Structure formats: structure tokens, C-alpha cells
Full PDB file with SEQRES, HELIX, SHEET, SSBOND, CRYST1, ORIGX, SCALE, CONECT and MASTER records, all heavy atoms in Angstrom:
SEQRES   1 A   33  PHE ARG GLN ALA PRO GLY LYS GLU HIS GLU GLY VAL SER          
SEQRES   2 A   33  CYS MET GLU HIS ASN ASP LEU SER LYS TYR TYR ALA ASP          
SEQRES   3 A   33  SER VAL LYS GLY ARG PHE THR                                  
HELIX    1 AA1 ASP A   26  VAL A   28  5                                   3    
SHEET    1 AA1 2 SER A  13  MET A  15  0                                        
SHEET    2 AA1 2 LYS A  22  TYR A  24 -1                                        
CRYST1    1.000    1.000    1.000  90.00  90.00  90.00 P 1           1          
ORIGX1      1.000000  0.000000  0.000000        0.00000                         
ORIGX2      0.000000  1.000000  0.000000        0.00000                         
ORIGX3      0.000000  0.000000  1.000000        0.00000                         
SCALE1      1.000000  0.000000  0.000000        0.00000                         
SCALE2      0.000000  1.000000  0.000000        0.00000                         
SCALE3      0.000000  0.000000  1.000000        0.00000                         
ATOM      1  N   PHE A   1      14.553  -1.037  10.558  1.00  0.00           N  
ATOM      2  CA  PHE A   1      14.372  -1.658   9.216  1.00  0.00           C  
ATOM      3  C   PHE A   1      13.834  -3.050   9.370  1.00  0.00           C  
ATOM      4  O   PHE A   1      14.174  -3.708  10.414  1.00  0.00           O  
ATOM      5  CB  PHE A   1      15.606  -1.527   8.382  1.00  0.00           C  
ATOM      6  CG  PHE A   1      16.157  -0.132   8.002  1.00  0.00           C  
ATOM      7  CD1 PHE A   1      17.017   0.425   9.063  1.00  0.00           C  
ATOM      8  CD2 PHE A   1      15.695   0.541   6.933  1.00  0.00           C  
ATOM      9  CE1 PHE A   1      17.529   1.589   8.842  1.00  0.00           C  
ATOM     10  CE2 PHE A   1      16.288   1.775   6.794  1.00  0.00           C  
ATOM     11  CZ  PHE A   1      17.160   2.447   7.732  1.00  0.00           C  
ATOM     12  N   ARG A   2      13.115  -3.541   8.431  1.00  0.00           N  
ATOM     13  CA  ARG A   2      12.593  -4.933   8.386  1.00  0.00           C  
ATOM     14  C   ARG A   2      12.840  -5.518   7.063  1.00  0.00           C  
ATOM     15  O   ARG A   2      12.666  -4.796   6.067  1.00  0.00           O  
ATOM     16  CB  ARG A   2      11.423  -5.023   9.000  1.00  0.00           C  
ATOM     17  CG  ARG A   2      10.158  -4.426   8.125  1.00  0.00           C  
ATOM     18  CD  ARG A   2       8.816  -4.296   8.764  1.00  0.00           C  
ATOM     19  NE  ARG A   2       7.772  -3.891   8.023  1.00  0.00           N  
ATOM     20  CZ  ARG A   2       6.584  -3.625   8.422  1.00  0.00           C  
ATOM     21  NH1 ARG A   2       6.229  -3.706   9.720  1.00  0.00           N  
ATOM     22  NH2 ARG A   2       5.655  -3.055   7.620  1.00  0.00           N  
ATOM     23  N   GLN A   3      12.883  -6.809   7.038  1.00  0.00           N  
ATOM     24  CA  GLN A   3      12.946  -7.558   5.853  1.00  0.00           C  
ATOM     25  C   GLN A   3      12.008  -8.726   5.959  1.00  0.00           C  
ATOM     26  O   GLN A   3      12.313  -9.666   6.738  1.00  0.00           O  
ATOM     27  CB  GLN A   3      14.354  -7.951   5.539  1.00  0.00           C  
ATOM     28  CG  GLN A   3      14.459  -8.559   4.079  1.00  0.00           C  
ATOM     29  CD  GLN A   3      15.939  -9.046   3.758  1.00  0.00           C  
ATOM     30  OE1 GLN A   3      16.740  -9.295   4.726  1.00  0.00           O  
ATOM     31  NE2 GLN A   3      16.318  -8.754   2.529  1.00  0.00           N  
ATOM     32  N   ALA A   4      10.947  -8.785   5.096  1.00  0.00           N  
ATOM     33  CA  ALA A   4      10.179  -9.937   5.065  1.00  0.00           C  
ATOM     34  C   ALA A   4      10.683 -10.929   4.112  1.00  0.00           C  
ATOM     35  O   ALA A   4      11.525 -10.570   3.247  1.00  0.00           O  
ATOM     36  CB  ALA A   4       8.744  -9.560   4.493  1.00  0.00           C  
ATOM     37  N   PRO A   5      10.358 -12.264   4.179  1.00  0.00           N  
ATOM     38  CA  PRO A   5      10.986 -13.237   3.361  1.00  0.00           C  
ATOM     39  C   PRO A   5      10.727 -12.949   1.865  1.00  0.00           C  
ATOM     40  O   PRO A   5       9.610 -12.589   1.440  1.00  0.00           O  
ATOM     41  CB  PRO A   5      10.178 -14.564   3.800  1.00  0.00           C  
ATOM     42  CG  PRO A   5       9.635 -14.219   5.133  1.00  0.00           C  
ATOM     43  CD  PRO A   5       9.480 -12.727   5.158  1.00  0.00           C  
ATOM     44  N   GLY A   6      11.802 -12.849   1.163  1.00  0.00           N  
ATOM     45  CA  GLY A   6      11.767 -12.608  -0.338  1.00  0.00           C  
ATOM     46  C   GLY A   6      11.570 -11.113  -0.645  1.00  0.00           C  
ATOM     47  O   GLY A   6      11.326 -10.774  -1.833  1.00  0.00           O  
ATOM     48  N   LYS A   7      11.640 -10.257   0.353  1.00  0.00           N  
ATOM     49  CA  LYS A   7      11.449  -8.820   0.177  1.00  0.00           C  
ATOM     50  C   LYS A   7      12.769  -8.086   0.414  1.00  0.00           C  
ATOM     51  O   LYS A   7      13.624  -8.603   1.100  1.00  0.00           O  
ATOM     52  CB  LYS A   7      10.340  -8.422   0.971  1.00  0.00           C  
ATOM     53  CG  LYS A   7       8.971  -9.034   0.784  1.00  0.00           C  
ATOM     54  CD  LYS A   7       8.382  -8.634  -0.580  1.00  0.00           C  
ATOM     55  CE  LYS A   7       6.978  -9.196  -0.591  1.00  0.00           C  
ATOM     56  NZ  LYS A   7       6.340  -8.823  -1.991  1.00  0.00           N  
ATOM     57  N   GLU A   8      12.842  -6.914  -0.108  1.00  0.00           N  
ATOM     58  CA  GLU A   8      13.826  -5.994   0.265  1.00  0.00           C  
ATOM     59  C   GLU A   8      13.721  -5.357   1.654  1.00  0.00           C  
ATOM     60  O   GLU A   8      12.667  -5.471   2.130  1.00  0.00           O  
ATOM     61  CB  GLU A   8      14.151  -4.911  -0.948  1.00  0.00           C  
ATOM     62  CG  GLU A   8      14.348  -5.534  -2.263  1.00  0.00           C  
ATOM     63  CD  GLU A   8      14.556  -4.398  -3.256  1.00  0.00           C  
ATOM     64  OE1 GLU A   8      14.308  -3.203  -2.967  1.00  0.00           O  
ATOM     65  OE2 GLU A   8      15.002  -4.748  -4.448  1.00  0.00           O  
ATOM     66  N   HIS A   9      14.837  -4.774   2.033  1.00  0.00           N  
ATOM     67  CA  HIS A   9      14.658  -4.061   3.348  1.00  0.00           C  
ATOM     68  C   HIS A   9      13.758  -2.875   3.195  1.00  0.00           C  
ATOM     69  O   HIS A   9      13.647  -2.106   2.188  1.00  0.00           O  
ATOM     70  CB  HIS A   9      15.996  -3.573   3.770  1.00  0.00           C  
ATOM     71  CG  HIS A   9      17.045  -4.656   4.286  1.00  0.00           C  
ATOM     72  ND1 HIS A   9      17.671  -5.433   3.341  1.00  0.00           N  
ATOM     73  CD2 HIS A   9      17.272  -5.045   5.428  1.00  0.00           C  
ATOM     74  CE1 HIS A   9      18.525  -6.200   4.042  1.00  0.00           C  
ATOM     75  NE2 HIS A   9      18.176  -6.006   5.327  1.00  0.00           N  
ATOM     76  N   GLU A  10      12.923  -2.688   4.273  1.00  0.00           N  
ATOM     77  CA  GLU A  10      12.111  -1.550   4.359  1.00  0.00           C  
ATOM     78  C   GLU A  10      12.334  -0.743   5.551  1.00  0.00           C  
ATOM     79  O   GLU A  10      12.536  -1.181   6.701  1.00  0.00           O  
ATOM     80  CB  GLU A  10      10.635  -2.229   4.388  1.00  0.00           C  
ATOM     81  CG  GLU A  10       9.487  -1.078   4.598  1.00  0.00           C  
ATOM     82  CD  GLU A  10       8.162  -1.633   4.921  1.00  0.00           C  
ATOM     83  OE1 GLU A  10       8.029  -2.857   5.273  1.00  0.00           O  
ATOM     84  OE2 GLU A  10       7.171  -0.952   4.992  1.00  0.00           O  
ATOM     85  N   GLY A  11      12.382   0.576   5.487  1.00  0.00           N  
ATOM     86  CA  GLY A  11      12.535   1.460   6.536  1.00  0.00           C  
ATOM     87  C   GLY A  11      11.274   1.569   7.305  1.00  0.00           C  
ATOM     88  O   GLY A  11      10.199   1.807   6.745  1.00  0.00           O  
ATOM     89  N   VAL A  12      11.237   1.155   8.621  1.00  0.00           N  
ATOM     90  CA  VAL A  12      10.066   1.197   9.429  1.00  0.00           C  
ATOM     91  C   VAL A  12      10.020   2.464  10.091  1.00  0.00           C  
ATOM     92  O   VAL A  12       8.894   3.139  10.179  1.00  0.00           O  
ATOM     93  CB  VAL A  12      10.190   0.039  10.489  1.00  0.00           C  
ATOM     94  CG1 VAL A  12       9.049   0.066  11.458  1.00  0.00           C  
ATOM     95  CG2 VAL A  12      10.186  -1.219   9.743  1.00  0.00           C  
ATOM     96  N   SER A  13      11.105   2.857  10.932  1.00  0.00           N  
ATOM     97  CA  SER A  13      11.000   4.134  11.600  1.00  0.00           C  
ATOM     98  C   SER A  13      12.377   4.570  11.929  1.00  0.00           C  
ATOM     99  O   SER A  13      13.321   3.708  12.233  1.00  0.00           O  
ATOM    100  CB  SER A  13      10.241   3.942  13.003  1.00  0.00           C  
ATOM    101  OG  SER A  13      10.194   5.059  13.721  1.00  0.00           O  
ATOM    102  N   CYS A  14      12.607   5.863  11.813  1.00  0.00           N  
ATOM    103  CA  CYS A  14      14.045   6.451  12.149  1.00  0.00           C  
ATOM    104  C   CYS A  14      13.891   7.693  12.876  1.00  0.00           C  
ATOM    105  O   CYS A  14      12.745   8.462  12.722  1.00  0.00           O  
ATOM    106  CB  CYS A  14      14.770   6.636  10.816  1.00  0.00           C  
ATOM    107  SG  CYS A  14      14.987   5.090   9.910  1.00  0.00           S  
ATOM    108  N   MET A  15      14.935   8.245  13.511  1.00  0.00           N  
ATOM    109  CA  MET A  15      14.939   9.394  14.124  1.00  0.00           C  
ATOM    110  C   MET A  15      16.352  10.022  14.129  1.00  0.00           C  
ATOM    111  O   MET A  15      17.333   9.301  14.190  1.00  0.00           O  
ATOM    112  CB  MET A  15      14.377   9.323  15.650  1.00  0.00           C  
ATOM    113  CG  MET A  15      15.260   8.579  16.527  1.00  0.00           C  
ATOM    114  SD  MET A  15      14.387   8.339  18.123  1.00  0.00           S  
ATOM    115  CE  MET A  15      14.089   9.984  18.546  1.00  0.00           C  
ATOM    116  N   GLU A  16      16.387  11.378  13.999  1.00  0.00           N  
ATOM    117  CA  GLU A  16      17.716  11.962  14.108  1.00  0.00           C  
ATOM    118  C   GLU A  16      18.176  11.919  15.534  1.00  0.00           C  
ATOM    119  O   GLU A  16      17.453  11.736  16.492  1.00  0.00           O  
ATOM    120  CB  GLU A  16      17.462  13.436  13.687  1.00  0.00           C  
ATOM    121  CG  GLU A  16      17.276  13.485  12.044  1.00  0.00           C  
ATOM    122  CD  GLU A  16      17.260  15.018  11.736  1.00  0.00           C  
ATOM    123  OE1 GLU A  16      17.216  15.944  12.520  1.00  0.00           O  
ATOM    124  OE2 GLU A  16      17.121  15.093  10.445  1.00  0.00           O  
ATOM    125  N   HIS A  17      19.511  12.223  15.702  1.00  0.00           N  
ATOM    126  CA  HIS A  17      20.104  12.226  16.914  1.00  0.00           C  
ATOM    127  C   HIS A  17      19.459  13.230  17.966  1.00  0.00           C  
ATOM    128  O   HIS A  17      19.530  12.859  19.154  1.00  0.00           O  
ATOM    129  CB  HIS A  17      21.603  12.377  16.897  1.00  0.00           C  
ATOM    130  CG  HIS A  17      22.149  13.696  16.625  1.00  0.00           C  
ATOM    131  ND1 HIS A  17      21.787  14.435  15.418  1.00  0.00           N  
ATOM    132  CD2 HIS A  17      22.596  14.735  17.383  1.00  0.00           C  
ATOM    133  CE1 HIS A  17      22.227  15.680  15.441  1.00  0.00           C  
ATOM    134  NE2 HIS A  17      22.770  15.970  16.850  1.00  0.00           N  
ATOM    135  N   ASN A  18      18.993  14.270  17.470  1.00  0.00           N  
ATOM    136  CA  ASN A  18      18.533  15.399  18.295  1.00  0.00           C  
ATOM    137  C   ASN A  18      16.994  15.149  18.684  1.00  0.00           C  
ATOM    138  O   ASN A  18      16.480  16.002  19.291  1.00  0.00           O  
ATOM    139  CB  ASN A  18      18.840  16.636  17.740  1.00  0.00           C  
ATOM    140  CG  ASN A  18      18.338  16.927  16.469  1.00  0.00           C  
ATOM    141  OD1 ASN A  18      17.420  16.120  15.942  1.00  0.00           O  
ATOM    142  ND2 ASN A  18      18.805  17.922  15.737  1.00  0.00           N  
ATOM    143  N   ASP A  19      16.462  14.077  18.180  1.00  0.00           N  
ATOM    144  CA  ASP A  19      14.992  13.847  18.411  1.00  0.00           C  
ATOM    145  C   ASP A  19      14.156  14.771  17.747  1.00  0.00           C  
ATOM    146  O   ASP A  19      12.803  14.845  17.899  1.00  0.00           O  
ATOM    147  CB  ASP A  19      14.695  13.713  19.844  1.00  0.00           C  
ATOM    148  CG  ASP A  19      15.367  12.445  20.497  1.00  0.00           C  
ATOM    149  OD1 ASP A  19      15.999  11.676  19.794  1.00  0.00           O  
ATOM    150  OD2 ASP A  19      15.293  12.398  21.708  1.00  0.00           O  
ATOM    151  N   LEU A  20      14.626  15.679  16.950  1.00  0.00           N  
ATOM    152  CA  LEU A  20      13.766  16.753  16.206  1.00  0.00           C  
ATOM    153  C   LEU A  20      12.826  16.187  15.089  1.00  0.00           C  
ATOM    154  O   LEU A  20      12.000  16.846  14.699  1.00  0.00           O  
ATOM    155  CB  LEU A  20      14.614  17.898  15.930  1.00  0.00           C  
ATOM    156  CG  LEU A  20      15.202  18.620  17.111  1.00  0.00           C  
ATOM    157  CD1 LEU A  20      16.074  19.812  16.645  1.00  0.00           C  
ATOM    158  CD2 LEU A  20      14.057  19.299  18.047  1.00  0.00           C  
ATOM    159  N   SER A  21      13.328  15.132  14.488  1.00  0.00           N  
ATOM    160  CA  SER A  21      12.716  14.635  13.343  1.00  0.00           C  
ATOM    161  C   SER A  21      12.581  13.162  13.351  1.00  0.00           C  
ATOM    162  O   SER A  21      13.622  12.409  13.633  1.00  0.00           O  
ATOM    163  CB  SER A  21      13.458  15.039  12.087  1.00  0.00           C  
ATOM    164  OG  SER A  21      12.861  14.535  10.915  1.00  0.00           O  
ATOM    165  N   LYS A  22      11.384  12.635  13.193  1.00  0.00           N  
ATOM    166  CA  LYS A  22      11.059  11.259  13.210  1.00  0.00           C  
ATOM    167  C   LYS A  22      10.319  10.766  11.952  1.00  0.00           C  
ATOM    168  O   LYS A  22       9.670  11.557  11.377  1.00  0.00           O  
ATOM    169  CB  LYS A  22      10.304  10.758  14.311  1.00  0.00           C  
ATOM    170  CG  LYS A  22      10.957  10.953  15.675  1.00  0.00           C  
ATOM    171  CD  LYS A  22      10.065  10.529  16.837  1.00  0.00           C  
ATOM    172  CE  LYS A  22      10.681  10.884  18.155  1.00  0.00           C  
ATOM    173  NZ  LYS A  22       9.904  10.399  19.377  1.00  0.00           N  
ATOM    174  N   TYR A  23      10.508   9.584  11.532  1.00  0.00           N  
ATOM    175  CA  TYR A  23       9.984   9.168  10.316  1.00  0.00           C  
ATOM    176  C   TYR A  23       9.350   7.814  10.650  1.00  0.00           C  
ATOM    177  O   TYR A  23       9.790   6.993  11.267  1.00  0.00           O  
ATOM    178  CB  TYR A  23      11.038   8.805   9.171  1.00  0.00           C  
ATOM    179  CG  TYR A  23      10.480   8.100   8.062  1.00  0.00           C  
ATOM    180  CD1 TYR A  23       9.787   8.648   6.946  1.00  0.00           C  
ATOM    181  CD2 TYR A  23      10.644   6.613   7.936  1.00  0.00           C  
ATOM    182  CE1 TYR A  23       9.256   8.000   5.933  1.00  0.00           C  
ATOM    183  CE2 TYR A  23      10.206   5.967   6.777  1.00  0.00           C  
ATOM    184  CZ  TYR A  23       9.573   6.588   5.842  1.00  0.00           C  
ATOM    185  OH  TYR A  23       9.122   5.860   4.871  1.00  0.00           O  
ATOM    186  N   TYR A  24       8.019   7.552  10.101  1.00  0.00           N  
ATOM    187  CA  TYR A  24       7.322   6.235  10.265  1.00  0.00           C  
ATOM    188  C   TYR A  24       6.861   5.964   8.822  1.00  0.00           C  
ATOM    189  O   TYR A  24       6.321   6.769   7.964  1.00  0.00           O  
ATOM    190  CB  TYR A  24       6.157   6.443  11.092  1.00  0.00           C  
ATOM    191  CG  TYR A  24       6.662   6.585  12.475  1.00  0.00           C  
ATOM    192  CD1 TYR A  24       6.593   7.927  13.222  1.00  0.00           C  
ATOM    193  CD2 TYR A  24       6.961   5.513  13.398  1.00  0.00           C  
ATOM    194  CE1 TYR A  24       6.982   8.075  14.414  1.00  0.00           C  
ATOM    195  CE2 TYR A  24       7.418   5.705  14.670  1.00  0.00           C  
ATOM    196  CZ  TYR A  24       7.358   7.095  15.245  1.00  0.00           C  
ATOM    197  OH  TYR A  24       7.722   7.139  16.540  1.00  0.00           O  
ATOM    198  N   ALA A  25       7.078   4.636   8.601  1.00  0.00           N  
ATOM    199  CA  ALA A  25       6.449   4.141   7.311  1.00  0.00           C  
ATOM    200  C   ALA A  25       4.964   4.230   7.460  1.00  0.00           C  
ATOM    201  O   ALA A  25       4.433   4.090   8.522  1.00  0.00           O  
ATOM    202  CB  ALA A  25       6.952   2.776   6.932  1.00  0.00           C  
ATOM    203  N   ASP A  26       4.328   4.515   6.346  1.00  0.00           N  
ATOM    204  CA  ASP A  26       2.912   4.587   6.308  1.00  0.00           C  
ATOM    205  C   ASP A  26       2.220   3.404   6.974  1.00  0.00           C  
ATOM    206  O   ASP A  26       1.118   3.479   7.640  1.00  0.00           O  
ATOM    207  CB  ASP A  26       2.350   4.984   4.875  1.00  0.00           C  
ATOM    208  CG  ASP A  26       2.662   6.291   4.287  1.00  0.00           C  
ATOM    209  OD1 ASP A  26       2.976   7.182   5.145  1.00  0.00           O  
ATOM    210  OD2 ASP A  26       2.537   6.500   3.133  1.00  0.00           O  
ATOM    211  N   SER A  27       2.727   2.189   6.621  1.00  0.00           N  
ATOM    212  CA  SER A  27       2.113   1.017   7.138  1.00  0.00           C  
ATOM    213  C   SER A  27       2.130   0.859   8.566  1.00  0.00           C  
ATOM    214  O   SER A  27       1.382   0.038   9.099  1.00  0.00           O  
ATOM    215  CB  SER A  27       2.818  -0.128   6.313  1.00  0.00           C  
ATOM    216  OG  SER A  27       4.162  -0.205   6.808  1.00  0.00           O  
ATOM    217  N   VAL A  28       3.059   1.620   9.325  1.00  0.00           N  
ATOM    218  CA  VAL A  28       3.221   1.437  10.834  1.00  0.00           C  
ATOM    219  C   VAL A  28       2.746   2.756  11.544  1.00  0.00           C  
ATOM    220  O   VAL A  28       2.694   2.729  12.728  1.00  0.00           O  
ATOM    221  CB  VAL A  28       4.454   1.025  11.191  1.00  0.00           C  
ATOM    222  CG1 VAL A  28       4.977  -0.166  10.362  1.00  0.00           C  
ATOM    223  CG2 VAL A  28       5.522   2.207  10.972  1.00  0.00           C  
ATOM    224  N   LYS A  29       2.396   3.702  10.784  1.00  0.00           N  
ATOM    225  CA  LYS A  29       2.175   5.064  11.475  1.00  0.00           C  
ATOM    226  C   LYS A  29       0.847   4.900  12.320  1.00  0.00           C  
ATOM    227  O   LYS A  29      -0.123   4.313  11.987  1.00  0.00           O  
ATOM    228  CB  LYS A  29       1.880   6.050  10.317  1.00  0.00           C  
ATOM    229  CG  LYS A  29       1.954   7.607  10.799  1.00  0.00           C  
ATOM    230  CD  LYS A  29       1.901   8.490   9.681  1.00  0.00           C  
ATOM    231  CE  LYS A  29       3.142   8.342   8.781  1.00  0.00           C  
ATOM    232  NZ  LYS A  29       3.213   9.286   7.661  1.00  0.00           N  
ATOM    233  N   GLY A  30       1.036   5.439  13.599  1.00  0.00           N  
ATOM    234  CA  GLY A  30      -0.046   5.343  14.538  1.00  0.00           C  
ATOM    235  C   GLY A  30       0.070   3.922  15.335  1.00  0.00           C  
ATOM    236  O   GLY A  30      -0.780   3.964  16.470  1.00  0.00           O  
ATOM    237  N   ARG A  31       0.837   3.000  14.954  1.00  0.00           N  
ATOM    238  CA  ARG A  31       0.937   1.850  15.666  1.00  0.00           C  
ATOM    239  C   ARG A  31       2.336   1.563  16.361  1.00  0.00           C  
ATOM    240  O   ARG A  31       2.405   0.959  17.401  1.00  0.00           O  
ATOM    241  CB  ARG A  31       0.579   0.654  14.718  1.00  0.00           C  
ATOM    242  CG  ARG A  31      -0.670   0.620  14.184  1.00  0.00           C  
ATOM    243  CD  ARG A  31      -1.042  -0.582  13.387  1.00  0.00           C  
ATOM    244  NE  ARG A  31      -0.103  -0.843  12.328  1.00  0.00           N  
ATOM    245  CZ  ARG A  31       0.813  -1.918  12.144  1.00  0.00           C  
ATOM    246  NH1 ARG A  31       0.995  -2.793  13.057  1.00  0.00           N  
ATOM    247  NH2 ARG A  31       1.618  -1.947  11.073  1.00  0.00           N  
ATOM    248  N   PHE A  32       3.370   2.159  15.712  1.00  0.00           N  
ATOM    249  CA  PHE A  32       4.728   1.974  16.225  1.00  0.00           C  
ATOM    250  C   PHE A  32       5.206   3.381  16.680  1.00  0.00           C  
ATOM    251  O   PHE A  32       4.879   4.409  16.202  1.00  0.00           O  
ATOM    252  CB  PHE A  32       5.645   1.520  15.057  1.00  0.00           C  
ATOM    253  CG  PHE A  32       5.445   0.103  14.510  1.00  0.00           C  
ATOM    254  CD1 PHE A  32       4.300  -0.622  14.924  1.00  0.00           C  
ATOM    255  CD2 PHE A  32       6.357  -0.494  13.716  1.00  0.00           C  
ATOM    256  CE1 PHE A  32       4.152  -1.998  14.490  1.00  0.00           C  
ATOM    257  CE2 PHE A  32       6.202  -1.805  13.352  1.00  0.00           C  
ATOM    258  CZ  PHE A  32       5.081  -2.618  13.594  1.00  0.00           C  
ATOM    259  N   THR A  33       6.163   3.260  17.646  1.00  0.00           N  
ATOM    260  CA  THR A  33       6.757   4.435  18.271  1.00  0.00           C  
ATOM    261  C   THR A  33       8.287   4.127  18.465  1.00  0.00           C  
ATOM    262  O   THR A  33       8.676   3.165  19.084  1.00  0.00           O  
ATOM    263  CB  THR A  33       6.178   4.718  19.579  1.00  0.00           C  
ATOM    264  OG1 THR A  33       4.767   4.995  19.354  1.00  0.00           O  
ATOM    265  CG2 THR A  33       6.839   6.091  20.013  1.00  0.00           C  
TER     266      THR A  33                                                      
MASTER        0    0    0    1    2    0    0    6  265    1    0    3          
END                                                                             
């Protein structure tokens, strides 16, 4: 998660323990892993 100055927390990327499901925020998709 990340928090920019004056902003709320934003989910950037997450994954389940079994690696079967991952999530990327639209703003970072294709750039973050």
C-alpha cells in the first residue's frame, strides 16, 4: 500500500498466500510486479 501526502492509503499490489491470485492497481499495472 502507499500513501501520498494528504491522501488516503491506496492499495498498490497484493497476492494471496498460494500465489494463485494477484491484484494490481490500474495505475501501476504493467509496471509493478
